[in-house]
Amino acid sequence: MIQEMLCKFNAYLKEMDASPASIKAYLCDLRKFIRWYEDATGMPPKTAAVIRLDIVEFRNYLERGVKQKPATINRALASLSVYFTWAAERKHILSSPVDDVNTIKEQPHAPKWLERHDLHALIRAVSDRKKPSKRDHAIIVLLIHTGLRVSEACRLDIEDLAIRDRSGLVRVREGKGNKYREVPLNTTVRNALKDWIGERESGPLFTSQKRGGRLTTRAVEQMVSRYACAARLGEGVKVTPHVLRHTFCKTLIDKEVSIDQVAALAGHGNINTTAKYTKPSRQDLQRAVDRMAWE
C-alpha cells in the first residue's frame, strides 16, 4: 500500500540527510497527490498503478482547478519525481511516470530582502526597549551581517567563535548538506557577540531565557517577527530570519562583492542560487526610472 511505501520513503530521506523541512515538503506534496487520486478515481493509489497521464492530470488540477502558483506546482512535481525515481531504483516500478512531464513556466523573481530604511527600523526596535536584550540584539546582528541560516545560528556553540581585537570568524559545522564553512565576523558582529557572551567560555551560543538550554529556530522566528511588528515597517513588508539572510546577500552584491565570494559566505552549493541576488527588485527598477523624472 502507498502508506507503507511513504514510511519507507521517509526513512530513505532521513538516511540521505535531507533536512526536516525538505522531508516535510516531500511528504506534504505526496499526500496532496494521494488525496487528488482518491477523489479522481475513488480508490487509493498503488505506486505501480500510477501512469504518466495521472501526473499530467494532477498538474492540470493544481494549475487550473485550484490555481496554485507555478512554483508550488513545480515543487509538487519535483517531490513526485524524487519519490517515483526512488521507487524505480528499488524495482517497485519499471520507470518513473513523472519522467518527461513538463513543468509550469515560472516568472523569474528576485528574493525578498529589506531596504536600508526598513533594516535600520528593525535594529532600532531591538535597541529601543526599556531594557534591550543583549541576546536578541546579538542574534539579529549576526543574521544580518553573516547571512547564516537560522538553523545554523541556533546550532552554534561559543566554541565555534574565534573573536580577536581586529578580526573574527564563526565556524558553521553543520551547514546545509552537512557542509562546513567559516564566515568572517566584522566589528559590528564581534561587539554584539562579546556583549552577549560576557565571561562564558562554553556551551550553546544562544539560550532560552525561560526554559534554559539551546534556543530553537521557532523561537528565533517568533522573536524576529515580534521586533518587525514593533518596527512598524511598510505595508506588505514581512521579516523572517531568511529575509535577513537574503538582505545579507543582496547588500554584498550591491556593494560589488564578487558573486563567488557571496556564494562562499552564504554556503551556496550552486552559484546560480547566488545569481538571484543580481536580479533587480521592484524597488531597484523604480529607482532606475525615477532618475529620468523631470519633476
C-alpha atoms as a PDB file:
ATOM      1  CA  MET A   1       0.000   0.000   0.000  1.00  0.00           C
ATOM      2  CA  ILE A   2       1.015   3.591  -0.624  1.00  0.00           C
ATOM      3  CA  GLN A   3       1.178   4.450   3.096  1.00  0.00           C
ATOM      4  CA  GLU A   4       3.707   1.689   3.717  1.00  0.00           C
ATOM      5  CA  MET A   5       5.753   2.986   0.789  1.00  0.00           C
ATOM      6  CA  LEU A   6       5.664   6.506   2.236  1.00  0.00           C
ATOM      7  CA  CYS A   7       7.091   5.208   5.513  1.00  0.00           C
ATOM      8  CA  LYS A   8       9.963   3.556   3.633  1.00  0.00           C
ATOM      9  CA  PHE A   9      10.477   6.711   1.555  1.00  0.00           C
ATOM     10  CA  ASN A  10      10.563   8.795   4.740  1.00  0.00           C
ATOM     11  CA  ALA A  11      13.263   6.505   6.163  1.00  0.00           C
ATOM     12  CA  TYR A  12      15.241   6.832   2.911  1.00  0.00           C
ATOM     13  CA  LEU A  13      15.145  10.642   3.060  1.00  0.00           C
ATOM     14  CA  LYS A  14      16.450  10.571   6.624  1.00  0.00           C
ATOM     15  CA  GLU A  15      19.257   8.219   5.577  1.00  0.00           C
ATOM     16  CA  MET A  16      20.186  10.726   2.847  1.00  0.00           C
ATOM     17  CA  ASP A  17      20.417  13.508   5.493  1.00  0.00           C
ATOM     18  CA  ALA A  18      17.579  15.503   3.951  1.00  0.00           C
ATOM     19  CA  SER A  19      16.592  18.417   6.163  1.00  0.00           C
ATOM     20  CA  PRO A  20      13.399  18.130   8.259  1.00  0.00           C
ATOM     21  CA  ALA A  21      11.876  20.952   6.181  1.00  0.00           C
ATOM     22  CA  SER A  22      12.613  19.111   2.920  1.00  0.00           C
ATOM     23  CA  ILE A  23      11.181  15.837   4.228  1.00  0.00           C
ATOM     24  CA  LYS A  24       8.036  17.636   5.378  1.00  0.00           C
ATOM     25  CA  ALA A  25       7.645  19.269   1.945  1.00  0.00           C
ATOM     26  CA  TYR A  26       8.120  15.965   0.069  1.00  0.00           C
ATOM     27  CA  LEU A  27       5.552  14.125   2.189  1.00  0.00           C
ATOM     28  CA  CYS A  28       3.082  17.017   2.061  1.00  0.00           C
ATOM     29  CA  ASP A  29       3.197  17.034  -1.750  1.00  0.00           C
ATOM     30  CA  LEU A  30       2.830  13.259  -1.929  1.00  0.00           C
ATOM     31  CA  ARG A  31      -0.200  13.294   0.364  1.00  0.00           C
ATOM     32  CA  LYS A  32      -1.705  16.060  -1.773  1.00  0.00           C
ATOM     33  CA  PHE A  33      -1.338  13.763  -4.814  1.00  0.00           C
ATOM     34  CA  ILE A  34      -2.854  10.821  -2.912  1.00  0.00           C
ATOM     35  CA  ARG A  35      -5.923  12.895  -1.954  1.00  0.00           C
ATOM     36  CA  TRP A  36      -6.369  14.047  -5.545  1.00  0.00           C
ATOM     37  CA  TYR A  37      -6.001  10.495  -6.891  1.00  0.00           C
ATOM     38  CA  GLU A  38      -8.555   9.117  -4.429  1.00  0.00           C
ATOM     39  CA  ASP A  39     -11.053  11.858  -5.345  1.00  0.00           C
ATOM     40  CA  ALA A  40     -10.464  11.309  -9.072  1.00  0.00           C
ATOM     41  CA  THR A  41     -10.597   7.501  -9.101  1.00  0.00           C
ATOM     42  CA  GLY A  42     -12.434   6.560  -5.936  1.00  0.00           C
ATOM     43  CA  MET A  43      -9.580   4.345  -4.742  1.00  0.00           C
ATOM     44  CA  PRO A  44      -6.195   4.815  -3.057  1.00  0.00           C
ATOM     45  CA  PRO A  45      -3.258   4.821  -5.474  1.00  0.00           C
ATOM     46  CA  LYS A  46      -0.830   1.952  -5.792  1.00  0.00           C
ATOM     47  CA  THR A  47       2.659   3.084  -6.718  1.00  0.00           C
ATOM     48  CA  ALA A  48       2.880   0.650  -9.619  1.00  0.00           C
ATOM     49  CA  ALA A  49      -0.546   1.697 -10.959  1.00  0.00           C
ATOM     50  CA  VAL A  50       0.246   5.403 -11.365  1.00  0.00           C
ATOM     51  CA  ILE A  51       0.851   6.355 -15.003  1.00  0.00           C
ATOM     52  CA  ARG A  52       2.152   9.472 -16.753  1.00  0.00           C
ATOM     53  CA  LEU A  53      -1.413  10.626 -17.542  1.00  0.00           C
ATOM     54  CA  ASP A  54      -2.200  10.694 -13.807  1.00  0.00           C
ATOM     55  CA  ILE A  55       0.753  13.035 -13.215  1.00  0.00           C
ATOM     56  CA  VAL A  56      -0.313  15.301 -16.091  1.00  0.00           C
ATOM     57  CA  GLU A  57      -3.906  15.443 -14.822  1.00  0.00           C
ATOM     58  CA  PHE A  58      -2.680  16.196 -11.299  1.00  0.00           C
ATOM     59  CA  ARG A  59      -0.540  19.035 -12.669  1.00  0.00           C
ATOM     60  CA  ASN A  60      -3.528  20.395 -14.611  1.00  0.00           C
ATOM     61  CA  TYR A  61      -5.695  20.175 -11.497  1.00  0.00           C
ATOM     62  CA  LEU A  62      -3.202  22.201  -9.473  1.00  0.00           C
ATOM     63  CA  GLU A  63      -2.859  24.768 -12.257  1.00  0.00           C
ATOM     64  CA  ARG A  64      -6.460  25.192 -13.391  1.00  0.00           C
ATOM     65  CA  GLY A  65      -8.527  23.600 -10.648  1.00  0.00           C
ATOM     66  CA  VAL A  66      -7.092  25.181  -7.506  1.00  0.00           C
ATOM     67  CA  LYS A  67      -4.984  27.775  -9.351  1.00  0.00           C
ATOM     68  CA  GLN A  68      -1.772  27.260  -7.419  1.00  0.00           C
ATOM     69  CA  LYS A  69       1.351  29.218  -8.254  1.00  0.00           C
ATOM     70  CA  PRO A  70       3.818  27.737 -10.768  1.00  0.00           C
ATOM     71  CA  ALA A  71       6.496  27.406  -8.083  1.00  0.00           C
ATOM     72  CA  THR A  72       4.122  25.386  -5.872  1.00  0.00           C
ATOM     73  CA  ILE A  73       3.112  23.129  -8.757  1.00  0.00           C
ATOM     74  CA  ASN A  74       6.705  22.553  -9.840  1.00  0.00           C
ATOM     75  CA  ARG A  75       7.711  21.724  -6.288  1.00  0.00           C
ATOM     76  CA  ALA A  76       4.943  19.107  -6.154  1.00  0.00           C
ATOM     77  CA  LEU A  77       6.147  17.608  -9.444  1.00  0.00           C
ATOM     78  CA  ALA A  78       9.712  17.563  -8.112  1.00  0.00           C
ATOM     79  CA  SER A  79       8.558  15.750  -4.969  1.00  0.00           C
ATOM     80  CA  LEU A  80       6.713  13.159  -7.056  1.00  0.00           C
ATOM     81  CA  SER A  81       9.786  12.749  -9.263  1.00  0.00           C
ATOM     82  CA  VAL A  82      12.024  12.060  -6.256  1.00  0.00           C
ATOM     83  CA  TYR A  83       9.539   9.525  -4.882  1.00  0.00           C
ATOM     84  CA  PHE A  84       8.928   7.609  -8.118  1.00  0.00           C
ATOM     85  CA  THR A  85      12.631   7.660  -9.052  1.00  0.00           C
ATOM     86  CA  TRP A  86      13.365   6.136  -5.641  1.00  0.00           C
ATOM     87  CA  ALA A  87      10.644   3.517  -6.228  1.00  0.00           C
ATOM     88  CA  ALA A  88      12.090   2.661  -9.670  1.00  0.00           C
ATOM     89  CA  GLU A  89      15.605   2.304  -8.273  1.00  0.00           C
ATOM     90  CA  ARG A  90      14.247  -0.238  -5.792  1.00  0.00           C
ATOM     91  CA  LYS A  91      12.432  -2.156  -8.553  1.00  0.00           C
ATOM     92  CA  HIS A  92       8.966  -1.369  -7.189  1.00  0.00           C
ATOM     93  CA  ILE A  93       8.115   0.054 -10.632  1.00  0.00           C
ATOM     94  CA  LEU A  94       9.745  -0.159 -14.066  1.00  0.00           C
ATOM     95  CA  SER A  95      10.200   3.599 -14.552  1.00  0.00           C
ATOM     96  CA  SER A  96       9.062   6.897 -13.099  1.00  0.00           C
ATOM     97  CA  PRO A  97       5.743   8.199 -14.550  1.00  0.00           C
ATOM     98  CA  VAL A  98       6.992  11.736 -13.865  1.00  0.00           C
ATOM     99  CA  ASP A  99       9.735  11.472 -16.491  1.00  0.00           C
ATOM    100  CA  ASP A 100       9.164  13.890 -19.397  1.00  0.00           C
ATOM    101  CA  VAL A 101       6.194  15.606 -17.718  1.00  0.00           C
ATOM    102  CA  ASN A 102       6.612  19.310 -18.403  1.00  0.00           C
ATOM    103  CA  THR A 103       6.782  21.731 -15.507  1.00  0.00           C
ATOM    104  CA  ILE A 104       4.971  25.081 -15.453  1.00  0.00           C
ATOM    105  CA  LYS A 105       6.858  28.101 -16.718  1.00  0.00           C
ATOM    106  CA  GLU A 106       7.695  30.435 -13.856  1.00  0.00           C
ATOM    107  CA  GLN A 107       8.107  34.185 -13.957  1.00  0.00           C
ATOM    108  CA  PRO A 108      11.601  34.700 -12.504  1.00  0.00           C
ATOM    109  CA  HIS A 109      11.657  36.981  -9.490  1.00  0.00           C
ATOM    110  CA  ALA A 110      14.205  38.279  -7.056  1.00  0.00           C
ATOM    111  CA  PRO A 111      14.280  37.081  -3.437  1.00  0.00           C
ATOM    112  CA  LYS A 112      12.742  39.390  -0.846  1.00  0.00           C
ATOM    113  CA  TRP A 113      15.139  41.497   1.186  1.00  0.00           C
ATOM    114  CA  LEU A 114      14.897  44.567   3.396  1.00  0.00           C
ATOM    115  CA  GLU A 115      15.509  48.055   2.120  1.00  0.00           C
ATOM    116  CA  ARG A 116      18.067  50.047   4.115  1.00  0.00           C
ATOM    117  CA  HIS A 117      15.473  52.167   5.964  1.00  0.00           C
ATOM    118  CA  ASP A 118      13.484  49.074   6.990  1.00  0.00           C
ATOM    119  CA  LEU A 119      16.665  47.392   8.191  1.00  0.00           C
ATOM    120  CA  HIS A 120      17.542  50.392  10.345  1.00  0.00           C
ATOM    121  CA  ALA A 121      13.984  50.494  11.720  1.00  0.00           C
ATOM    122  CA  LEU A 122      14.294  46.850  12.740  1.00  0.00           C
ATOM    123  CA  ILE A 123      17.579  47.448  14.569  1.00  0.00           C
ATOM    124  CA  ARG A 124      16.089  50.481  16.348  1.00  0.00           C
ATOM    125  CA  ALA A 125      13.163  48.329  17.510  1.00  0.00           C
ATOM    126  CA  VAL A 126      15.619  45.906  19.123  1.00  0.00           C
ATOM    127  CA  SER A 127      17.536  48.732  20.836  1.00  0.00           C
ATOM    128  CA  ASP A 128      14.625  50.962  21.857  1.00  0.00           C
ATOM    129  CA  ARG A 129      13.207  48.720  24.587  1.00  0.00           C
ATOM    130  CA  LYS A 130      13.422  49.942  28.171  1.00  0.00           C
ATOM    131  CA  LYS A 131      15.729  47.024  28.848  1.00  0.00           C
ATOM    132  CA  PRO A 132      17.217  45.937  25.495  1.00  0.00           C
ATOM    133  CA  SER A 133      18.012  42.237  25.195  1.00  0.00           C
ATOM    134  CA  LYS A 134      21.700  41.640  24.501  1.00  0.00           C
ATOM    135  CA  ARG A 135      20.840  38.169  23.257  1.00  0.00           C
ATOM    136  CA  ASP A 136      18.199  39.348  20.772  1.00  0.00           C
ATOM    137  CA  HIS A 137      20.477  42.119  19.527  1.00  0.00           C
ATOM    138  CA  ALA A 138      23.321  39.631  19.023  1.00  0.00           C
ATOM    139  CA  ILE A 139      21.096  37.189  17.103  1.00  0.00           C
ATOM    140  CA  ILE A 140      19.673  39.783  14.717  1.00  0.00           C
ATOM    141  CA  VAL A 141      23.048  41.432  14.108  1.00  0.00           C
ATOM    142  CA  LEU A 142      24.592  38.006  13.466  1.00  0.00           C
ATOM    143  CA  LEU A 143      21.888  37.068  10.932  1.00  0.00           C
ATOM    144  CA  ILE A 144      22.174  40.406   9.128  1.00  0.00           C
ATOM    145  CA  HIS A 145      25.980  40.524   8.978  1.00  0.00           C
ATOM    146  CA  THR A 146      26.778  36.850   8.302  1.00  0.00           C
ATOM    147  CA  GLY A 147      23.793  35.558   6.352  1.00  0.00           C
ATOM    148  CA  LEU A 148      23.644  32.401   8.469  1.00  0.00           C
ATOM    149  CA  ARG A 149      20.560  30.254   8.160  1.00  0.00           C
ATOM    150  CA  VAL A 150      18.504  30.358  11.353  1.00  0.00           C
ATOM    151  CA  SER A 151      19.145  26.633  11.923  1.00  0.00           C
ATOM    152  CA  GLU A 152      22.903  27.249  11.622  1.00  0.00           C
ATOM    153  CA  ALA A 153      22.765  30.106  14.130  1.00  0.00           C
ATOM    154  CA  CYS A 154      20.794  28.049  16.650  1.00  0.00           C
ATOM    155  CA  ARG A 155      23.279  25.170  16.468  1.00  0.00           C
ATOM    156  CA  LEU A 156      26.278  27.374  17.272  1.00  0.00           C
ATOM    157  CA  ASP A 157      28.304  26.870  20.433  1.00  0.00           C
ATOM    158  CA  ILE A 158      30.548  29.520  21.956  1.00  0.00           C
ATOM    159  CA  GLU A 159      33.497  27.335  20.967  1.00  0.00           C
ATOM    160  CA  ASP A 160      32.539  27.882  17.310  1.00  0.00           C
ATOM    161  CA  LEU A 161      33.546  31.547  17.608  1.00  0.00           C
ATOM    162  CA  ALA A 162      37.031  32.968  17.236  1.00  0.00           C
ATOM    163  CA  ILE A 163      36.922  36.621  18.228  1.00  0.00           C
ATOM    164  CA  ARG A 164      40.014  38.802  18.308  1.00  0.00           C
ATOM    165  CA  ASP A 165      40.502  42.575  18.517  1.00  0.00           C
ATOM    166  CA  ARG A 166      40.754  43.175  14.768  1.00  0.00           C
ATOM    167  CA  SER A 167      39.211  40.041  13.261  1.00  0.00           C
ATOM    168  CA  GLY A 168      36.996  37.090  13.971  1.00  0.00           C
ATOM    169  CA  LEU A 169      35.082  34.207  12.428  1.00  0.00           C
ATOM    170  CA  VAL A 170      32.304  31.758  13.114  1.00  0.00           C
ATOM    171  CA  ARG A 171      32.612  28.082  12.238  1.00  0.00           C
ATOM    172  CA  VAL A 172      29.444  26.621  10.738  1.00  0.00           C
ATOM    173  CA  ARG A 173      29.997  22.926  11.348  1.00  0.00           C
ATOM    174  CA  GLU A 174      26.644  21.650  10.067  1.00  0.00           C
ATOM    175  CA  GLY A 175      25.552  23.831   7.179  1.00  0.00           C
ATOM    176  CA  LYS A 176      23.080  22.725   4.520  1.00  0.00           C
ATOM    177  CA  GLY A 177      24.126  19.319   3.263  1.00  0.00           C
ATOM    178  CA  ASN A 178      26.354  18.963   6.340  1.00  0.00           C
ATOM    179  CA  LYS A 179      28.899  21.275   4.708  1.00  0.00           C
ATOM    180  CA  TYR A 180      31.463  23.043   6.896  1.00  0.00           C
ATOM    181  CA  ARG A 181      32.356  26.684   6.281  1.00  0.00           C
ATOM    182  CA  GLU A 182      33.921  29.614   8.096  1.00  0.00           C
ATOM    183  CA  VAL A 183      32.323  33.053   7.952  1.00  0.00           C
ATOM    184  CA  PRO A 184      34.325  36.161   8.938  1.00  0.00           C
ATOM    185  CA  LEU A 185      32.860  38.480  11.578  1.00  0.00           C
ATOM    186  CA  ASN A 186      33.032  42.241  11.162  1.00  0.00           C
ATOM    187  CA  THR A 187      33.392  44.718  14.032  1.00  0.00           C
ATOM    188  CA  THR A 188      29.621  45.144  14.429  1.00  0.00           C
ATOM    189  CA  VAL A 189      29.018  41.420  14.953  1.00  0.00           C
ATOM    190  CA  ARG A 190      32.066  40.925  17.153  1.00  0.00           C
ATOM    191  CA  ASN A 191      30.982  43.691  19.520  1.00  0.00           C
ATOM    192  CA  ALA A 192      27.389  42.395  19.700  1.00  0.00           C
ATOM    193  CA  LEU A 193      28.534  38.844  20.404  1.00  0.00           C
ATOM    194  CA  LYS A 194      31.096  39.866  23.041  1.00  0.00           C
ATOM    195  CA  ASP A 195      28.434  41.943  24.758  1.00  0.00           C
ATOM    196  CA  TRP A 196      26.109  38.928  24.892  1.00  0.00           C
ATOM    197  CA  ILE A 197      28.637  36.218  25.754  1.00  0.00           C
ATOM    198  CA  GLY A 198      30.286  38.095  28.599  1.00  0.00           C
ATOM    199  CA  GLU A 199      32.547  35.765  30.580  1.00  0.00           C
ATOM    200  CA  ARG A 200      31.065  32.499  29.326  1.00  0.00           C
ATOM    201  CA  GLU A 201      33.554  30.218  27.598  1.00  0.00           C
ATOM    202  CA  SER A 202      31.489  27.209  26.500  1.00  0.00           C
ATOM    203  CA  GLY A 203      28.009  25.906  25.839  1.00  0.00           C
ATOM    204  CA  PRO A 204      25.280  26.903  23.374  1.00  0.00           C
ATOM    205  CA  LEU A 205      25.781  30.406  21.968  1.00  0.00           C
ATOM    206  CA  PHE A 206      22.091  31.314  22.177  1.00  0.00           C
ATOM    207  CA  THR A 207      19.998  30.002  25.060  1.00  0.00           C
ATOM    208  CA  SER A 208      16.358  30.236  26.064  1.00  0.00           C
ATOM    209  CA  GLN A 209      15.897  32.728  28.890  1.00  0.00           C
ATOM    210  CA  LYS A 210      12.725  30.975  30.095  1.00  0.00           C
ATOM    211  CA  ARG A 211      13.448  27.266  29.746  1.00  0.00           C
ATOM    212  CA  GLY A 212      17.233  27.265  29.568  1.00  0.00           C
ATOM    213  CA  GLY A 213      19.028  25.142  27.012  1.00  0.00           C
ATOM    214  CA  ARG A 214      19.604  25.869  23.343  1.00  0.00           C
ATOM    215  CA  LEU A 215      17.306  28.369  21.622  1.00  0.00           C
ATOM    216  CA  THR A 216      15.062  26.838  18.933  1.00  0.00           C
ATOM    217  CA  THR A 217      14.622  28.055  15.360  1.00  0.00           C
ATOM    218  CA  ARG A 218      10.928  28.620  16.050  1.00  0.00           C
ATOM    219  CA  ALA A 219      11.755  30.879  18.991  1.00  0.00           C
ATOM    220  CA  VAL A 220      14.084  32.963  16.792  1.00  0.00           C
ATOM    221  CA  GLU A 221      11.442  33.227  14.072  1.00  0.00           C
ATOM    222  CA  GLN A 222       8.891  34.469  16.613  1.00  0.00           C
ATOM    223  CA  MET A 223      11.403  36.913  18.086  1.00  0.00           C
ATOM    224  CA  VAL A 224      12.280  38.413  14.687  1.00  0.00           C
ATOM    225  CA  SER A 225       8.575  38.716  13.839  1.00  0.00           C
ATOM    226  CA  ARG A 226       7.917  40.461  17.149  1.00  0.00           C
ATOM    227  CA  TYR A 227      10.593  43.096  16.531  1.00  0.00           C
ATOM    228  CA  ALA A 228       9.445  43.572  12.934  1.00  0.00           C
ATOM    229  CA  CYS A 229       5.951  44.305  14.229  1.00  0.00           C
ATOM    230  CA  ALA A 230       7.365  46.813  16.739  1.00  0.00           C
ATOM    231  CA  ALA A 231       9.359  48.474  13.948  1.00  0.00           C
ATOM    232  CA  ARG A 232       6.101  49.309  12.110  1.00  0.00           C
ATOM    233  CA  LEU A 233       7.578  48.558   8.702  1.00  0.00           C
ATOM    234  CA  GLY A 234       5.732  49.375   5.496  1.00  0.00           C
ATOM    235  CA  GLU A 235       2.647  47.501   4.371  1.00  0.00           C
ATOM    236  CA  GLY A 236       3.481  44.123   2.906  1.00  0.00           C
ATOM    237  CA  VAL A 237       6.986  44.044   4.409  1.00  0.00           C
ATOM    238  CA  LYS A 238       7.426  40.625   6.018  1.00  0.00           C
ATOM    239  CA  VAL A 239      10.537  39.910   8.062  1.00  0.00           C
ATOM    240  CA  THR A 240      11.828  36.412   8.797  1.00  0.00           C
ATOM    241  CA  PRO A 241      15.337  35.143   9.569  1.00  0.00           C
ATOM    242  CA  HIS A 242      15.571  34.030   5.938  1.00  0.00           C
ATOM    243  CA  VAL A 243      14.727  37.544   4.732  1.00  0.00           C
ATOM    244  CA  LEU A 244      17.686  38.756   6.810  1.00  0.00           C
ATOM    245  CA  ARG A 245      19.836  36.156   5.015  1.00  0.00           C
ATOM    246  CA  HIS A 246      18.587  37.483   1.671  1.00  0.00           C
ATOM    247  CA  THR A 247      19.380  41.013   2.846  1.00  0.00           C
ATOM    248  CA  PHE A 248      22.966  39.995   3.648  1.00  0.00           C
ATOM    249  CA  CYS A 249      23.491  38.544   0.160  1.00  0.00           C
ATOM    250  CA  LYS A 250      21.799  41.457  -1.631  1.00  0.00           C
ATOM    251  CA  THR A 251      23.823  44.034   0.338  1.00  0.00           C
ATOM    252  CA  LEU A 252      27.092  42.358  -0.645  1.00  0.00           C
ATOM    253  CA  ILE A 253      26.065  42.192  -4.315  1.00  0.00           C
ATOM    254  CA  ASP A 254      25.083  45.886  -4.243  1.00  0.00           C
ATOM    255  CA  LYS A 255      28.500  46.691  -2.777  1.00  0.00           C
ATOM    256  CA  GLU A 256      30.046  44.911  -5.789  1.00  0.00           C
ATOM    257  CA  VAL A 257      31.420  41.936  -3.853  1.00  0.00           C
ATOM    258  CA  SER A 258      32.124  39.182  -6.402  1.00  0.00           C
ATOM    259  CA  ILE A 259      29.394  36.570  -6.781  1.00  0.00           C
ATOM    260  CA  ASP A 260      31.764  33.702  -5.947  1.00  0.00           C
ATOM    261  CA  GLN A 261      32.672  35.357  -2.631  1.00  0.00           C
ATOM    262  CA  VAL A 262      28.999  35.874  -1.767  1.00  0.00           C
ATOM    263  CA  ALA A 263      28.306  32.219  -2.610  1.00  0.00           C
ATOM    264  CA  ALA A 264      31.145  31.086  -0.324  1.00  0.00           C
ATOM    265  CA  LEU A 265      29.968  33.277   2.561  1.00  0.00           C
ATOM    266  CA  ALA A 266      26.333  32.174   2.219  1.00  0.00           C
ATOM    267  CA  GLY A 267      27.222  28.499   1.823  1.00  0.00           C
ATOM    268  CA  HIS A 268      25.502  28.156  -1.542  1.00  0.00           C
ATOM    269  CA  GLY A 269      26.265  24.838  -3.241  1.00  0.00           C
ATOM    270  CA  ASN A 270      25.316  26.261  -6.647  1.00  0.00           C
ATOM    271  CA  ILE A 271      26.409  29.712  -7.788  1.00  0.00           C
ATOM    272  CA  ASN A 272      23.124  30.031  -9.713  1.00  0.00           C
ATOM    273  CA  THR A 273      21.446  30.356  -6.317  1.00  0.00           C
ATOM    274  CA  THR A 274      23.595  33.405  -5.598  1.00  0.00           C
ATOM    275  CA  ALA A 275      22.914  34.839  -9.046  1.00  0.00           C
ATOM    276  CA  LYS A 276      19.307  35.502  -7.974  1.00  0.00           C
ATOM    277  CA  TYR A 277      20.556  38.473  -5.981  1.00  0.00           C
ATOM    278  CA  THR A 278      21.797  40.180  -9.140  1.00  0.00           C
ATOM    279  CA  LYS A 279      18.212  40.341 -10.416  1.00  0.00           C
ATOM    280  CA  PRO A 280      16.758  43.805  -9.713  1.00  0.00           C
ATOM    281  CA  SER A 281      13.844  44.116  -7.314  1.00  0.00           C
ATOM    282  CA  ARG A 282      10.792  46.267  -7.993  1.00  0.00           C
ATOM    283  CA  GLN A 283      12.352  48.971  -5.808  1.00  0.00           C
ATOM    284  CA  ASP A 284      15.575  48.810  -7.848  1.00  0.00           C
ATOM    285  CA  LEU A 285      13.612  49.318 -11.061  1.00  0.00           C
ATOM    286  CA  GLN A 286      11.589  52.158  -9.510  1.00  0.00           C
ATOM    287  CA  ARG A 287      14.787  53.970  -8.525  1.00  0.00           C
ATOM    288  CA  ALA A 288      16.140  53.445 -12.033  1.00  0.00           C
ATOM    289  CA  VAL A 289      13.198  55.122 -13.783  1.00  0.00           C
ATOM    290  CA  ASP A 290      12.995  57.849 -11.114  1.00  0.00           C
ATOM    291  CA  ARG A 291      16.374  59.101 -12.301  1.00  0.00           C
ATOM    292  CA  MET A 292      14.731  60.093 -15.586  1.00  0.00           C
ATOM    293  CA  ALA A 293      11.893  62.061 -13.990  1.00  0.00           C
ATOM    294  CA  TRP A 294      11.667  65.774 -14.936  1.00  0.00           C
ATOM    295  CA  GLU A 295       9.833  66.801 -11.783  1.00  0.00           C
END
